C-alpha atoms as a PDB file:
ATOM      1  CA  MET A   1       0.000   0.000   0.000  1.00  0.00           C
ATOM      2  CA  LYS A   2       1.220   3.507  -0.874  1.00  0.00           C
ATOM      3  CA  ILE A   3      -0.155   6.740   0.600  1.00  0.00           C
ATOM      4  CA  LEU A   4       0.674  10.325  -0.353  1.00  0.00           C
ATOM      5  CA  SER A   5       0.403  12.244   2.934  1.00  0.00           C
ATOM      6  CA  ILE A   6       0.181  16.047   2.641  1.00  0.00           C
ATOM      7  CA  GLN A   7       0.545  17.481   6.133  1.00  0.00           C
ATOM      8  CA  SER A   8       2.617  19.638   8.460  1.00  0.00           C
ATOM      9  CA  ALA A   9       5.925  18.544   9.977  1.00  0.00           C
ATOM     10  CA  VAL A  10       7.641  19.362  13.276  1.00  0.00           C
ATOM     11  CA  ALA A  11      11.141  18.574  14.508  1.00  0.00           C
ATOM     12  CA  PHE A  12      10.182  18.283  18.190  1.00  0.00           C
ATOM     13  CA  GLY A  13       7.192  16.126  19.036  1.00  0.00           C
ATOM     14  CA  HIS A  14       4.655  14.414  16.843  1.00  0.00           C
ATOM     15  CA  VAL A  15       1.856  16.125  14.916  1.00  0.00           C
ATOM     16  CA  GLY A  16       0.885  16.073  11.235  1.00  0.00           C
ATOM     17  CA  ASN A  17       3.210  13.971   9.148  1.00  0.00           C
ATOM     18  CA  SER A  18       5.538  13.743  12.133  1.00  0.00           C
ATOM     19  CA  ALA A  19       2.747  11.772  13.818  1.00  0.00           C
ATOM     20  CA  ALA A  20       1.257   9.901  10.856  1.00  0.00           C
ATOM     21  CA  VAL A  21       4.233   8.613   8.887  1.00  0.00           C
ATOM     22  CA  PHE A  22       5.923   6.315  11.401  1.00  0.00           C
ATOM     23  CA  PRO A  23       2.773   4.400  12.497  1.00  0.00           C
ATOM     24  CA  LEU A  24       1.895   3.867   8.834  1.00  0.00           C
ATOM     25  CA  GLN A  25       5.392   2.618   8.063  1.00  0.00           C
ATOM     26  CA  ARG A  26       5.282   0.335  11.115  1.00  0.00           C
ATOM     27  CA  ILE A  27       2.203  -1.444   9.728  1.00  0.00           C
ATOM     28  CA  GLY A  28       3.828  -1.854   6.322  1.00  0.00           C
ATOM     29  CA  VAL A  29       2.593   1.175   4.389  1.00  0.00           C
ATOM     30  CA  GLU A  30       4.890   3.007   1.971  1.00  0.00           C
ATOM     31  CA  VAL A  31       4.390   6.712   2.739  1.00  0.00           C
ATOM     32  CA  LEU A  32       5.255   9.632   0.479  1.00  0.00           C
ATOM     33  CA  PRO A  33       5.244  12.616   2.874  1.00  0.00           C
ATOM     34  CA  VAL A  34       4.779  16.135   1.535  1.00  0.00           C
ATOM     35  CA  TYR A  35       5.150  18.940   4.077  1.00  0.00           C
ATOM     36  CA  THR A  36       3.021  22.079   4.337  1.00  0.00           C
ATOM     37  CA  VAL A  37       5.001  23.616   7.219  1.00  0.00           C
ATOM     38  CA  ASN A  38       8.383  22.841   8.770  1.00  0.00           C
ATOM     39  CA  PHE A  39       8.115  23.984  12.383  1.00  0.00           C
ATOM     40  CA  SER A  40      10.297  23.390  15.414  1.00  0.00           C
ATOM     41  CA  ASN A  41       7.250  22.190  17.407  1.00  0.00           C
ATOM     42  CA  HIS A  42       3.460  22.305  17.334  1.00  0.00           C
ATOM     43  CA  THR A  43       1.750  25.627  17.947  1.00  0.00           C
ATOM     44  CA  GLY A  44       0.156  24.508  21.208  1.00  0.00           C
ATOM     45  CA  TYR A  45       3.298  25.695  22.989  1.00  0.00           C
ATOM     46  CA  GLY A  46       2.484  29.267  22.003  1.00  0.00           C
ATOM     47  CA  ALA A  47       5.913  29.742  20.397  1.00  0.00           C
ATOM     48  CA  TRP A  48       7.586  27.993  17.505  1.00  0.00           C
ATOM     49  CA  ARG A  49      10.107  28.590  14.758  1.00  0.00           C
ATOM     50  CA  GLY A  50      10.303  27.635  11.116  1.00  0.00           C
ATOM     51  CA  PRO A  51       8.512  28.384   7.879  1.00  0.00           C
ATOM     52  CA  LEU A  52       5.095  27.947   6.437  1.00  0.00           C
ATOM     53  CA  ILE A  53       5.762  26.389   3.054  1.00  0.00           C
ATOM     54  CA  PRO A  54       4.126  28.441   0.265  1.00  0.00           C
ATOM     55  CA  PRO A  55       1.368  26.569  -1.573  1.00  0.00           C
ATOM     56  CA  ALA A  56       3.304  26.926  -4.856  1.00  0.00           C
ATOM     57  CA  ASP A  57       6.293  25.132  -3.300  1.00  0.00           C
ATOM     58  CA  VAL A  58       4.060  22.353  -1.942  1.00  0.00           C
ATOM     59  CA  ALA A  59       2.586  21.989  -5.424  1.00  0.00           C
ATOM     60  CA  GLU A  60       6.085  21.767  -6.925  1.00  0.00           C
ATOM     61  CA  VAL A  61       6.990  18.859  -4.648  1.00  0.00           C
ATOM     62  CA  ILE A  62       3.776  17.052  -5.571  1.00  0.00           C
ATOM     63  CA  THR A  63       4.448  17.623  -9.266  1.00  0.00           C
ATOM     64  CA  GLY A  64       7.928  16.167  -8.835  1.00  0.00           C
ATOM     65  CA  VAL A  65       6.401  13.046  -7.289  1.00  0.00           C
ATOM     66  CA  GLU A  66       3.984  12.854 -10.223  1.00  0.00           C
ATOM     67  CA  GLU A  67       6.862  13.119 -12.677  1.00  0.00           C
ATOM     68  CA  ARG A  68       8.422  10.010 -11.168  1.00  0.00           C
ATOM     69  CA  GLY A  69       5.292   8.080 -12.168  1.00  0.00           C
ATOM     70  CA  ALA A  70       4.179   7.558  -8.578  1.00  0.00           C
ATOM     71  CA  PHE A  71       0.562   8.686  -8.931  1.00  0.00           C
ATOM     72  CA  ALA A  72      -0.548   5.505 -10.700  1.00  0.00           C
ATOM     73  CA  GLN A  73       0.865   3.467  -7.800  1.00  0.00           C
ATOM     74  CA  LEU A  74      -0.907   5.372  -5.022  1.00  0.00           C
ATOM     75  CA  ASP A  75      -3.732   3.814  -3.057  1.00  0.00           C
ATOM     76  CA  ALA A  76      -4.656   6.971  -1.174  1.00  0.00           C
ATOM     77  CA  VAL A  77      -4.044  10.646  -0.571  1.00  0.00           C
ATOM     78  CA  LEU A  78      -4.169  11.665   3.092  1.00  0.00           C
ATOM     79  CA  SER A  79      -4.473  15.226   4.379  1.00  0.00           C
ATOM     80  CA  GLY A  80      -4.783  16.832   7.790  1.00  0.00           C
ATOM     81  CA  TYR A  81      -4.729  20.443   8.973  1.00  0.00           C
ATOM     82  CA  GLN A  82      -5.108  22.867   6.063  1.00  0.00           C
ATOM     83  CA  GLY A  83      -3.726  26.242   7.090  1.00  0.00           C
ATOM     84  CA  SER A  84      -4.880  28.244   4.092  1.00  0.00           C
ATOM     85  CA  VAL A  85      -7.192  28.204   1.119  1.00  0.00           C
ATOM     86  CA  GLY A  86      -4.080  27.979  -1.064  1.00  0.00           C
ATOM     87  CA  ILE A  87      -3.032  24.692   0.522  1.00  0.00           C
ATOM     88  CA  GLY A  88      -6.583  23.434   0.126  1.00  0.00           C
ATOM     89  CA  ASP A  89      -6.438  24.232  -3.574  1.00  0.00           C
ATOM     90  CA  VAL A  90      -3.168  22.306  -3.907  1.00  0.00           C
ATOM     91  CA  ILE A  91      -4.630  19.261  -2.155  1.00  0.00           C
ATOM     92  CA  ILE A  92      -7.833  19.276  -4.215  1.00  0.00           C
ATOM     93  CA  ASP A  93      -5.790  19.497  -7.411  1.00  0.00           C
ATOM     94  CA  ALA A  94      -3.453  16.697  -6.307  1.00  0.00           C
ATOM     95  CA  VAL A  95      -6.399  14.427  -5.497  1.00  0.00           C
ATOM     96  CA  ALA A  96      -7.875  14.976  -8.960  1.00  0.00           C
ATOM     97  CA  ARG A  97      -4.561  14.168 -10.649  1.00  0.00           C
ATOM     98  CA  VAL A  98      -3.966  11.068  -8.531  1.00  0.00           C
ATOM     99  CA  LYS A  99      -7.445   9.774  -9.329  1.00  0.00           C
ATOM    100  CA  ALA A 100      -6.898  10.449 -13.018  1.00  0.00           C
ATOM    101  CA  ALA A 101      -3.772   8.273 -12.848  1.00  0.00           C
ATOM    102  CA  ASN A 102      -5.424   5.625 -10.666  1.00  0.00           C
ATOM    103  CA  PRO A 103      -9.247   5.682 -10.513  1.00  0.00           C
ATOM    104  CA  ASN A 104      -9.149   3.234  -7.592  1.00  0.00           C
ATOM    105  CA  ALA A 105      -7.216   5.640  -5.362  1.00  0.00           C
ATOM    106  CA  VAL A 106      -9.134   7.287  -2.506  1.00  0.00           C
ATOM    107  CA  TYR A 107      -8.848  10.609  -0.705  1.00  0.00           C
ATOM    108  CA  SER A 108      -8.920  10.543   3.097  1.00  0.00           C
ATOM    109  CA  CYS A 109      -9.400  13.949   4.730  1.00  0.00           C
ATOM    110  CA  ASP A 110      -9.090  14.812   8.400  1.00  0.00           C
ATOM    111  CA  PRO A 111     -11.072  18.091   8.424  1.00  0.00           C
ATOM    112  CA  VAL A 112      -9.226  19.769  11.279  1.00  0.00           C
ATOM    113  CA  MET A 113     -11.104  22.780  12.657  1.00  0.00           C
ATOM    114  CA  GLY A 114     -11.230  22.528  16.428  1.00  0.00           C
ATOM    115  CA  ASN A 115     -12.773  20.607  19.286  1.00  0.00           C
ATOM    116  CA  ALA A 116     -15.546  20.831  21.833  1.00  0.00           C
ATOM    117  CA  LYS A 117     -13.294  22.263  24.563  1.00  0.00           C
ATOM    118  CA  SER A 118     -11.247  24.775  22.562  1.00  0.00           C
ATOM    119  CA  GLY A 119     -13.814  25.681  19.931  1.00  0.00           C
ATOM    120  CA  CYS A 120     -12.818  26.482  16.367  1.00  0.00           C
ATOM    121  CA  PHE A 121      -9.111  27.389  16.171  1.00  0.00           C
ATOM    122  CA  VAL A 122      -8.615  27.808  12.418  1.00  0.00           C
ATOM    123  CA  ALA A 123      -9.050  30.887  10.242  1.00  0.00           C
ATOM    124  CA  PRO A 124     -12.707  31.697   9.404  1.00  0.00           C
ATOM    125  CA  GLU A 125     -12.322  30.705   5.752  1.00  0.00           C
ATOM    126  CA  ILE A 126     -11.115  27.159   6.548  1.00  0.00           C
ATOM    127  CA  PRO A 127     -14.432  25.632   7.720  1.00  0.00           C
ATOM    128  CA  VAL A 128     -16.074  27.029   4.570  1.00  0.00           C
ATOM    129  CA  LEU A 129     -13.275  25.590   2.419  1.00  0.00           C
ATOM    130  CA  LEU A 130     -13.593  22.185   4.046  1.00  0.00           C
ATOM    131  CA  ARG A 131     -17.381  22.036   3.984  1.00  0.00           C
ATOM    132  CA  GLU A 132     -17.942  23.368   0.468  1.00  0.00           C
ATOM    133  CA  ARG A 133     -14.910  22.214  -1.527  1.00  0.00           C
ATOM    134  CA  VAL A 134     -12.748  19.637   0.243  1.00  0.00           C
ATOM    135  CA  VAL A 135     -15.140  17.240   1.957  1.00  0.00           C
ATOM    136  CA  PRO A 136     -17.336  16.797  -1.159  1.00  0.00           C
ATOM    137  CA  VAL A 137     -14.346  15.333  -3.057  1.00  0.00           C
ATOM    138  CA  ALA A 138     -13.218  13.097  -0.172  1.00  0.00           C
ATOM    139  CA  ASP A 139     -13.932   9.377   0.038  1.00  0.00           C
ATOM    140  CA  ILE A 140     -13.073   9.049   3.742  1.00  0.00           C
ATOM    141  CA  ILE A 141     -13.309  11.765   6.405  1.00  0.00           C
ATOM    142  CA  THR A 142     -12.311  11.586  10.071  1.00  0.00           C
ATOM    143  CA  PRO A 143     -13.864  14.550  11.921  1.00  0.00           C
ATOM    144  CA  ASN A 144     -14.341  14.709  15.651  1.00  0.00           C
ATOM    145  CA  GLN A 145     -17.918  15.157  16.876  1.00  0.00           C
ATOM    146  CA  PHE A 146     -17.481  18.939  17.078  1.00  0.00           C
ATOM    147  CA  GLU A 147     -16.144  19.162  13.510  1.00  0.00           C
ATOM    148  CA  LEU A 148     -18.937  16.917  12.266  1.00  0.00           C
ATOM    149  CA  GLY A 149     -21.362  19.549  13.548  1.00  0.00           C
ATOM    150  CA  PHE A 150     -19.542  22.300  11.636  1.00  0.00           C
ATOM    151  CA  LEU A 151     -19.631  20.274   8.427  1.00  0.00           C
ATOM    152  CA  THR A 152     -23.367  19.592   8.671  1.00  0.00           C
ATOM    153  CA  GLY A 153     -24.692  22.711  10.409  1.00  0.00           C
ATOM    154  CA  THR A 154     -25.826  20.621  13.359  1.00  0.00           C
ATOM    155  CA  GLU A 155     -24.910  20.280  17.021  1.00  0.00           C
ATOM    156  CA  PRO A 156     -24.936  16.515  17.638  1.00  0.00           C
ATOM    157  CA  VAL A 157     -25.085  15.512  21.296  1.00  0.00           C
ATOM    158  CA  THR A 158     -26.890  12.185  21.517  1.00  0.00           C
ATOM    159  CA  LEU A 159     -25.935   9.042  19.631  1.00  0.00           C
ATOM    160  CA  ASP A 160     -28.966   9.348  17.362  1.00  0.00           C
ATOM    161  CA  GLU A 161     -28.119  12.975  16.568  1.00  0.00           C
ATOM    162  CA  THR A 162     -24.537  12.017  15.766  1.00  0.00           C
ATOM    163  CA  LEU A 163     -25.678   9.251  13.425  1.00  0.00           C
ATOM    164  CA  ALA A 164     -28.083  11.666  11.727  1.00  0.00           C
ATOM    165  CA  SER A 165     -25.193  14.097  11.201  1.00  0.00           C
ATOM    166  CA  VAL A 166     -23.099  11.251   9.781  1.00  0.00           C
ATOM    167  CA  ASP A 167     -25.867  10.587   7.258  1.00  0.00           C
ATOM    168  CA  LEU A 168     -25.916  14.262   6.283  1.00  0.00           C
ATOM    169  CA  VAL A 169     -22.181  14.457   5.678  1.00  0.00           C
ATOM    170  CA  ARG A 170     -22.133  11.156   3.761  1.00  0.00           C
ATOM    171  CA  ALA A 171     -24.813  12.582   1.468  1.00  0.00           C
ATOM    172  CA  SER A 172     -22.424  15.445   0.626  1.00  0.00           C
ATOM    173  CA  GLY A 173     -19.774  13.137  -0.854  1.00  0.00           C
ATOM    174  CA  PRO A 174     -17.636  10.949   1.427  1.00  0.00           C
ATOM    175  CA  ARG A 175     -18.944   7.402   1.736  1.00  0.00           C
ATOM    176  CA  THR A 176     -16.874   6.450   4.778  1.00  0.00           C
ATOM    177  CA  VAL A 177     -16.876   8.488   7.985  1.00  0.00           C
ATOM    178  CA  LEU A 178     -14.950   8.027  11.213  1.00  0.00           C
ATOM    179  CA  VAL A 179     -16.178  10.289  14.029  1.00  0.00           C
ATOM    180  CA  THR A 180     -13.765  10.682  16.944  1.00  0.00           C
ATOM    181  CA  SER A 181     -14.181  12.136  20.446  1.00  0.00           C
ATOM    182  CA  VAL A 182     -17.836  11.112  20.520  1.00  0.00           C
ATOM    183  CA  GLU A 183     -19.522  12.154  23.728  1.00  0.00           C
ATOM    184  CA  ASP A 184     -22.874  10.585  24.525  1.00  0.00           C
ATOM    185  CA  PRO A 185     -24.912  11.534  27.623  1.00  0.00           C
ATOM    186  CA  ALA A 186     -26.347   8.010  27.685  1.00  0.00           C
ATOM    187  CA  ALA A 187     -22.935   6.306  27.699  1.00  0.00           C
ATOM    188  CA  GLU A 188     -20.993   5.084  30.706  1.00  0.00           C
ATOM    189  CA  PRO A 189     -19.307   8.011  32.507  1.00  0.00           C
ATOM    190  CA  GLY A 190     -15.566   8.321  32.033  1.00  0.00           C
ATOM    191  CA  THR A 191     -15.610   6.951  28.480  1.00  0.00           C
ATOM    192  CA  ILE A 192     -15.167   8.410  25.018  1.00  0.00           C
ATOM    193  CA  GLY A 193     -16.297   6.957  21.711  1.00  0.00           C
ATOM    194  CA  MET A 194     -15.588   6.594  18.029  1.00  0.00           C
ATOM    195  CA  ILE A 195     -18.124   5.799  15.309  1.00  0.00           C
ATOM    196  CA  ALA A 196     -17.312   4.387  11.873  1.00  0.00           C
ATOM    197  CA  ALA A 197     -19.911   4.276   9.109  1.00  0.00           C
ATOM    198  CA  ASP A 198     -19.992   3.316   5.445  1.00  0.00           C
ATOM    199  CA  ASP A 199     -22.450   1.797   2.991  1.00  0.00           C
ATOM    200  CA  THR A 200     -22.563  -1.454   4.970  1.00  0.00           C
ATOM    201  CA  GLY A 201     -23.543  -0.003   8.351  1.00  0.00           C
ATOM    202  CA  ALA A 202     -22.315   1.873  11.418  1.00  0.00           C
ATOM    203  CA  TRP A 203     -20.275   0.708  14.406  1.00  0.00           C
ATOM    204  CA  SER A 204     -19.179   2.205  17.704  1.00  0.00           C
ATOM    205  CA  VAL A 205     -16.306   1.657  20.102  1.00  0.00           C
ATOM    206  CA  ARG A 206     -16.004   3.224  23.544  1.00  0.00           C
ATOM    207  CA  THR A 207     -12.778   3.386  25.542  1.00  0.00           C
ATOM    208  CA  PRO A 208     -11.820   4.866  28.905  1.00  0.00           C
ATOM    209  CA  LEU A 209     -11.299   8.623  28.703  1.00  0.00           C
ATOM    210  CA  LEU A 210      -7.700   9.299  29.723  1.00  0.00           C
ATOM    211  CA  PRO A 211      -6.829  12.581  31.496  1.00  0.00           C
ATOM    212  CA  ILE A 212      -4.393  13.964  28.923  1.00  0.00           C
ATOM    213  CA  LYS A 213      -4.475  16.308  25.938  1.00  0.00           C
ATOM    214  CA  ALA A 214      -2.488  14.357  23.381  1.00  0.00           C
ATOM    215  CA  ASN A 215      -1.556  16.624  20.472  1.00  0.00           C
ATOM    216  CA  GLY A 216      -1.160  14.563  17.319  1.00  0.00           C
ATOM    217  CA  SER A 217      -3.332  11.657  18.409  1.00  0.00           C
ATOM    218  CA  GLY A 218      -5.965  12.668  15.857  1.00  0.00           C
ATOM    219  CA  ASP A 219      -3.347  12.575  13.108  1.00  0.00           C
ATOM    220  CA  VAL A 220      -2.344   9.048  14.139  1.00  0.00           C
ATOM    221  CA  THR A 221      -6.001   8.030  14.281  1.00  0.00           C
ATOM    222  CA  ALA A 222      -6.773   9.303  10.783  1.00  0.00           C
ATOM    223  CA  ALA A 223      -3.697   7.636   9.315  1.00  0.00           C
ATOM    224  CA  LEU A 224      -4.240   4.243  10.936  1.00  0.00           C
ATOM    225  CA  PHE A 225      -7.965   4.134  10.194  1.00  0.00           C
ATOM    226  CA  THR A 226      -7.337   4.970   6.533  1.00  0.00           C
ATOM    227  CA  ALA A 227      -4.756   2.210   6.138  1.00  0.00           C
ATOM    228  CA  HIS A 228      -6.709  -0.407   8.086  1.00  0.00           C
ATOM    229  CA  TYR A 229      -9.891   0.385   6.174  1.00  0.00           C
ATOM    230  CA  LEU A 230      -8.181   0.112   2.806  1.00  0.00           C
ATOM    231  CA  GLU A 231      -6.477  -3.132   3.798  1.00  0.00           C
ATOM    232  CA  SER A 232      -9.478  -4.845   5.410  1.00  0.00           C
ATOM    233  CA  GLY A 233     -12.424  -3.312   3.553  1.00  0.00           C
ATOM    234  CA  SER A 234     -14.275  -3.364   6.878  1.00  0.00           C
ATOM    235  CA  ALA A 235     -15.241  -0.286   8.893  1.00  0.00           C
ATOM    236  CA  ALA A 236     -15.671  -2.406  12.025  1.00  0.00           C
ATOM    237  CA  THR A 237     -12.242  -4.029  11.716  1.00  0.00           C
ATOM    238  CA  ALA A 238     -10.536  -0.706  10.991  1.00  0.00           C
ATOM    239  CA  LEU A 239     -12.321   0.858  13.962  1.00  0.00           C
ATOM    240  CA  GLU A 240     -11.255  -1.888  16.379  1.00  0.00           C
ATOM    241  CA  ARG A 241      -7.632  -1.849  15.256  1.00  0.00           C
ATOM    242  CA  THR A 242      -7.406   1.936  15.341  1.00  0.00           C
ATOM    243  CA  ALA A 243      -9.103   2.352  18.719  1.00  0.00           C
ATOM    244  CA  SER A 244      -6.865  -0.313  20.259  1.00  0.00           C
ATOM    245  CA  SER A 245      -3.617   1.176  18.950  1.00  0.00           C
ATOM    246  CA  VAL A 246      -4.463   4.796  19.719  1.00  0.00           C
ATOM    247  CA  PHE A 247      -5.688   4.035  23.238  1.00  0.00           C
ATOM    248  CA  ASP A 248      -2.441   2.220  24.045  1.00  0.00           C
ATOM    249  CA  LEU A 249      -0.429   5.072  22.520  1.00  0.00           C
ATOM    250  CA  ILE A 250      -2.193   7.661  24.686  1.00  0.00           C
ATOM    251  CA  ASP A 251      -2.008   5.434  27.767  1.00  0.00           C
ATOM    252  CA  THR A 252       1.737   4.948  27.261  1.00  0.00           C
ATOM    253  CA  THR A 253       2.177   8.701  26.835  1.00  0.00           C
ATOM    254  CA  LEU A 254       0.189   9.393  30.016  1.00  0.00           C
ATOM    255  CA  ALA A 255       2.254   6.897  32.002  1.00  0.00           C
ATOM    256  CA  SER A 256       5.474   8.507  30.785  1.00  0.00           C
ATOM    257  CA  GLY A 257       4.551  11.931  32.147  1.00  0.00           C
ATOM    258  CA  ASP A 258       5.626  13.412  28.801  1.00  0.00           C
ATOM    259  CA  ARG A 259       3.554  15.959  26.917  1.00  0.00           C
ATOM    260  CA  GLU A 260       4.541  14.590  23.505  1.00  0.00           C
ATOM    261  CA  LEU A 261       3.259  11.305  22.114  1.00  0.00           C
ATOM    262  CA  ARG A 262       5.480   8.305  22.890  1.00  0.00           C
ATOM    263  CA  LEU A 263       5.272   7.215  19.292  1.00  0.00           C
ATOM    264  CA  VAL A 264       8.397   5.066  19.012  1.00  0.00           C
ATOM    265  CA  GLU A 265       7.843   3.450  22.406  1.00  0.00           C
ATOM    266  CA  SER A 266       4.321   2.468  21.297  1.00  0.00           C
ATOM    267  CA  GLN A 267       5.276   0.968  17.942  1.00  0.00           C
ATOM    268  CA  GLU A 268       4.297  -2.608  18.813  1.00  0.00           C
ATOM    269  CA  PHE A 269       0.784  -1.379  19.530  1.00  0.00           C
ATOM    270  CA  PHE A 270       0.589  -0.259  15.890  1.00  0.00           C
ATOM    271  CA  ALA A 271       2.085  -3.434  14.466  1.00  0.00           C
ATOM    272  CA  ARG A 272       0.075  -5.775  16.709  1.00  0.00           C
ATOM    273  CA  PRO A 273      -3.099  -4.122  18.056  1.00  0.00           C
ATOM    274  CA  ARG A 274      -4.354  -5.836  21.202  1.00  0.00           C
ATOM    275  CA  LEU A 275      -7.995  -5.552  19.992  1.00  0.00           C
ATOM    276  CA  GLN A 276      -9.175  -4.999  23.547  1.00  0.00           C
ATOM    277  CA  PHE A 277     -12.216  -2.998  22.402  1.00  0.00           C
ATOM    278  CA  ALA A 278     -14.954  -4.694  20.378  1.00  0.00           C
ATOM    279  CA  ALA A 279     -17.036  -2.694  17.902  1.00  0.00           C
ATOM    280  CA  THR A 280     -20.798  -2.645  18.485  1.00  0.00           C
ATOM    281  CA  GLN A 281     -22.990  -2.477  15.399  1.00  0.00           C
ATOM    282  CA  LEU A 282     -25.400   0.442  15.603  1.00  0.00           C
ATOM    283  CA  ARG A 283     -27.343  -0.302  12.405  1.00  0.00           C
END
C-alpha cells in the first residue's frame, strides 16, 4: 500500500506527518510525505520557529512526485490540517490528478477545525473551504464530533443525533466516515467513543477517557484508520484496530509523564493491536 500524505511537519514532538508517517510505516505502508510547514514544534506551545511552506512550493513537490510516475501506484491521498485556502487548492488538485492516474485511489481527509473544549481554532475561511470544496471530493473523512457539527450545520449531542449528522455528511460526498471524540450523555461516565460508518452499516467503540491532551493523536487516528480500512475493507475491523492502537499510545504517553506522544515506544501497539475494544454495530 502507498499513501501520499500532505501534512505539516515538526522537529520536536509528533503532529501532522511527524505523527502519521511512522505508524503507517510500522504497519507496512509506503508513505510519500509532503510537508506544508516545517516547524520546530506544534503551535500549542504558544511559540515555535520555522517556515510555512508556500502553496506553490508544496505543489512543486507534488508535481515532482507525479513526474516520477508515482501517482498511478498510489492507493490513497491523506491530508490533515489545512492552514490556508491555497493549501486546500493544492490538495484538491493533487487528489484529482492522482485519481486520473489511478481511478481506484481514494482521498482521506481529516477536516481539522477545532474541538468541543477549545472551539474552532482555524481561520474563518477554513471551515467554509472544508465544507464546500474539500469534503465533497473526499472518500473518507475523520472529523471529531465537534467538527462533524460544523460540516453539517448541526450540534450533535446524543448518539442518534450524531448518526443523523453522519448521514448528512455522507450525502455530501464521502462514503466512509470516522467520528472521533464522541460524547454521549447516555454512555458510561468516564468513556469516550468513536463511530465508523460506510455503505454497509455503522459501528461504535467506547474506551476509557484518559486525562491527557495528546496533540497529534488525531493525526495518528486518521492515518491508521485509513490504512486499516483500505487493507481490510471493513469499517468495524478498521475501527477496532485503530481504537486499540491509539488508546495504548495515549495510555503509554500518560504513564510517561511526557507531553509529547510516545510514538516510538508504542510501535508494537501499531504493528500488533491488542484488539481490547470490540465494535458494536449500531445499524
